[in-house]
Amino acid sequence: MNKEYAILDVGCGNKKRAGAIGIDFNSRTQADVIHDLNSFPYPFEDSYFNEIYIDNCLEHLDDVMKVMEEIYRICKPGGSVKVIVPYFRSLWAFTDPTHKHFFGVNSFTYFDPDHMIFKRYAYTKVTFKTERIVFNETLSDGWIKRMFVFVANRYPFRYENYLSHLYPLDDITFYLRKI
């Protein structure tokens, strides 16, 4: 493993990112490390990874707070974390019986020390800055959906509050930075 610049793909399945170390519970995947992602600690050193990807995995795990605390532990200071999850209003969020958690625009404000939700509830000492929220980053079909994606990405909080019940999008990506 290149300790200078290391990338982790959490729950990589059979679509592990190029150049990444993949970790998954399933031995029938492309994972380099087989580990129960609900079991802590993960088998990595503190502050090891520069980039961490959690692509359609977090919603399957038991405890989002504990997972994010573990991600924080193994991420280098200033490192980036990209979390892709089904949007809570999406048909896909509730179709999969293995989904345990659902995510909206404010889901990661619980880790942002500048946000009132973090200040009010302080569930954890772990801190990530949300740099960007993107709806349907890799999914778009049809001009109507593209129009809603454009509006949602430009005004995510307004989309969620006023339009998402009329036209729910599929997934939401959070770009986080460890602080």
Protein backbone atom coordinates (compact mmCIF):
# COMPACT_ATOMS: atom_id res chain seq x y z
CA MET A 1 0.00 0.00 0.00
CA ASN A 2 1.27 3.44 -0.92
CA LYS A 3 1.37 5.27 2.40
CA GLU A 4 2.02 8.61 0.68
CA TYR A 5 -1.35 8.70 -1.03
CA ALA A 6 -3.85 6.00 -0.14
CA ILE A 7 -7.45 5.62 -1.29
CA LEU A 8 -10.08 3.43 0.37
CA ASP A 9 -13.26 2.12 -1.22
CA VAL A 10 -15.62 1.09 1.60
CA GLY A 11 -18.11 -1.59 0.59
CA CYS A 12 -16.48 -1.78 -2.83
CA GLY A 13 -18.33 -4.88 -3.97
CA ASN A 14 -17.42 -5.73 -7.57
CA LYS A 15 -16.92 -2.12 -8.65
CA LYS A 16 -13.78 -1.18 -6.76
CA ARG A 17 -12.30 2.15 -7.81
CA ALA A 18 -9.02 2.02 -9.70
CA GLY A 19 -6.03 2.52 -7.43
CA ALA A 20 -8.08 2.04 -4.27
CA ILE A 21 -7.88 -0.49 -1.48
CA GLY A 22 -11.26 -2.15 -1.36
CA ILE A 23 -12.89 -3.33 1.84
CA ASP A 24 -16.08 -5.37 1.93
CA PHE A 25 -17.68 -8.07 4.07
CA ASN A 26 -18.30 -10.28 1.04
CA SER A 27 -15.45 -12.56 -0.02
CA ARG A 28 -17.00 -12.90 -3.51
CA THR A 29 -16.11 -9.30 -4.40
CA GLN A 30 -13.07 -7.38 -5.64
CA ALA A 31 -12.21 -6.40 -2.06
CA ASP A 32 -8.58 -6.50 -0.98
CA VAL A 33 -9.66 -6.65 2.67
CA ILE A 34 -12.56 -8.79 3.87
CA HIS A 35 -14.02 -7.30 7.04
CA ASP A 36 -17.44 -6.92 8.68
CA LEU A 37 -18.08 -3.19 8.28
CA ASN A 38 -20.25 -3.24 11.41
CA SER A 39 -17.25 -4.39 13.44
CA PHE A 40 -14.84 -1.77 14.81
CA PRO A 41 -12.05 -0.89 14.47
CA TYR A 42 -11.44 -1.38 10.77
CA PRO A 43 -8.05 -3.02 10.09
CA PHE A 44 -6.23 0.20 9.14
CA GLU A 45 -3.88 2.61 10.91
CA ASP A 46 -5.05 5.98 12.17
CA SER A 47 -4.88 8.82 9.61
CA TYR A 48 -3.90 6.49 6.77
CA PHE A 49 -6.17 7.43 3.83
CA ASN A 50 -6.21 10.63 1.78
CA GLU A 51 -9.50 9.74 0.05
CA ILE A 52 -12.33 7.51 1.18
CA TYR A 53 -15.31 6.48 -0.94
CA ILE A 54 -18.50 5.03 0.52
CA ASP A 55 -20.66 4.28 -2.49
CA ASN A 56 -24.13 2.87 -1.75
CA CYS A 57 -22.89 1.13 1.38
CA LEU A 58 -23.62 3.35 4.39
CA GLU A 59 -27.39 2.80 4.18
CA HIS A 60 -26.81 -0.94 4.78
CA LEU A 61 -24.72 -0.60 7.95
CA ASP A 62 -26.02 -0.69 11.52
CA ASP A 63 -24.70 2.55 13.03
CA VAL A 64 -24.00 5.57 10.80
CA MET A 65 -22.38 7.55 13.64
CA LYS A 66 -19.95 4.75 14.53
CA VAL A 67 -19.06 4.20 10.87
CA MET A 68 -18.36 7.90 10.37
CA GLU A 69 -16.28 7.95 13.57
CA GLU A 70 -14.23 5.07 12.15
CA ILE A 71 -13.92 6.83 8.78
CA TYR A 72 -12.70 9.89 10.67
CA ARG A 73 -10.11 7.82 12.52
CA ILE A 74 -8.57 6.33 9.37
CA CYS A 75 -8.79 9.49 7.23
CA LYS A 76 -5.82 11.87 7.17
CA PRO A 77 -6.40 15.43 8.40
CA GLY A 78 -7.76 17.39 5.45
CA GLY A 79 -8.64 14.14 3.66
CA SER A 80 -11.73 13.84 1.50
CA VAL A 81 -14.68 11.52 1.98
CA LYS A 82 -17.26 10.97 -0.74
CA VAL A 83 -20.52 9.38 0.43
CA ILE A 84 -23.12 8.27 -2.11
CA VAL A 85 -26.47 7.10 -0.73
CA PRO A 86 -30.03 6.75 -2.00
CA TYR A 87 -32.03 9.94 -1.46
CA PHE A 88 -34.68 9.39 1.22
CA ARG A 89 -37.57 10.17 -1.14
CA SER A 90 -36.27 7.86 -3.85
CA LEU A 91 -38.17 4.73 -4.75
CA TRP A 92 -34.84 2.91 -4.45
CA ALA A 93 -34.34 3.97 -0.84
CA PHE A 94 -37.30 1.89 0.32
CA THR A 95 -37.31 -0.86 -2.31
CA ASP A 96 -34.18 -2.59 -1.01
CA PRO A 97 -35.09 -4.51 2.18
CA THR A 98 -31.45 -4.36 3.33
CA HIS A 99 -31.49 -0.55 3.69
CA LYS A 100 -31.42 0.51 7.33
CA HIS A 101 -30.95 4.29 6.98
CA PHE A 102 -32.23 7.08 4.78
CA PHE A 103 -30.51 10.36 3.89
CA GLY A 104 -31.54 13.90 3.09
CA VAL A 105 -29.74 17.18 2.52
CA ASN A 106 -29.07 17.76 6.23
CA SER A 107 -27.87 14.25 7.11
CA PHE A 108 -24.20 15.20 7.39
CA THR A 109 -24.73 18.52 9.18
CA TYR A 110 -24.51 16.41 12.35
CA PHE A 111 -20.75 16.30 11.70
CA ASP A 112 -20.25 19.95 10.68
CA PRO A 113 -19.12 22.07 13.66
CA ASP A 114 -20.28 25.27 11.95
CA HIS A 115 -23.86 24.04 11.62
CA MET A 116 -26.52 24.62 14.28
CA ILE A 117 -27.57 20.95 14.20
CA PHE A 118 -24.05 19.87 15.23
CA LYS A 119 -23.98 22.54 17.94
CA ARG A 120 -27.43 21.61 19.24
CA TYR A 121 -27.11 17.83 19.35
CA ALA A 122 -23.35 17.13 19.54
CA TYR A 123 -23.79 13.38 19.04
CA THR A 124 -20.11 13.02 18.23
CA LYS A 125 -16.77 14.81 18.43
CA VAL A 126 -16.04 13.79 14.82
CA THR A 127 -15.99 16.75 12.43
CA PHE A 128 -16.36 16.87 8.66
CA LYS A 129 -17.07 19.95 6.59
CA THR A 130 -19.69 19.37 3.89
CA GLU A 131 -18.11 20.93 0.82
CA ARG A 132 -20.76 19.99 -1.69
CA ILE A 133 -24.04 18.10 -2.08
CA VAL A 134 -24.89 16.67 -5.50
CA PHE A 135 -28.10 14.94 -6.57
CA ASN A 136 -28.02 12.19 -9.20
CA GLU A 137 -24.36 12.78 -9.97
CA THR A 138 -24.14 9.79 -12.29
CA LEU A 139 -27.82 9.29 -13.02
CA SER A 140 -29.84 11.28 -15.48
CA ASP A 141 -32.39 10.26 -18.04
CA GLY A 142 -34.80 12.50 -19.81
CA TRP A 143 -35.05 16.26 -19.92
CA ILE A 144 -37.53 16.52 -17.04
CA LYS A 145 -35.20 14.68 -14.67
CA ARG A 146 -32.23 16.75 -15.87
CA MET A 147 -34.22 19.91 -15.13
CA PHE A 148 -35.00 18.76 -11.58
CA VAL A 149 -31.39 17.66 -11.04
CA PHE A 150 -30.21 21.12 -12.12
CA VAL A 151 -32.60 22.85 -9.69
CA ALA A 152 -31.80 20.41 -6.85
CA ASN A 153 -28.05 20.87 -7.28
CA ARG A 154 -28.35 24.63 -7.45
CA TYR A 155 -30.75 24.91 -4.48
CA PRO A 156 -30.57 21.62 -2.51
CA PHE A 157 -32.40 22.84 0.60
CA ARG A 158 -35.18 24.48 -1.38
CA TYR A 159 -35.53 21.41 -3.61
CA GLU A 160 -35.86 19.16 -0.56
CA ASN A 161 -38.38 21.42 1.18
CA TYR A 162 -40.56 22.42 -1.77
CA LEU A 163 -40.12 20.08 -4.74
CA SER A 164 -38.72 16.69 -3.72
CA HIS A 165 -42.15 15.30 -2.81
CA LEU A 166 -43.37 16.13 -6.32
CA TYR A 167 -40.38 14.75 -8.18
CA PRO A 168 -38.04 12.66 -6.00
CA LEU A 169 -34.53 12.16 -7.30
CA ASP A 170 -32.58 8.92 -6.90
CA ASP A 171 -29.37 9.48 -5.00
CA ILE A 172 -27.42 12.12 -3.17
CA THR A 173 -23.65 12.52 -2.92
CA PHE A 174 -21.92 14.29 -0.05
CA TYR A 175 -18.40 15.64 -0.49
CA LEU A 176 -16.89 15.87 2.97
CA ARG A 177 -13.52 17.11 4.25
CA LYS A 178 -12.03 15.95 7.54
CA ILE A 179 -11.35 18.92 9.80
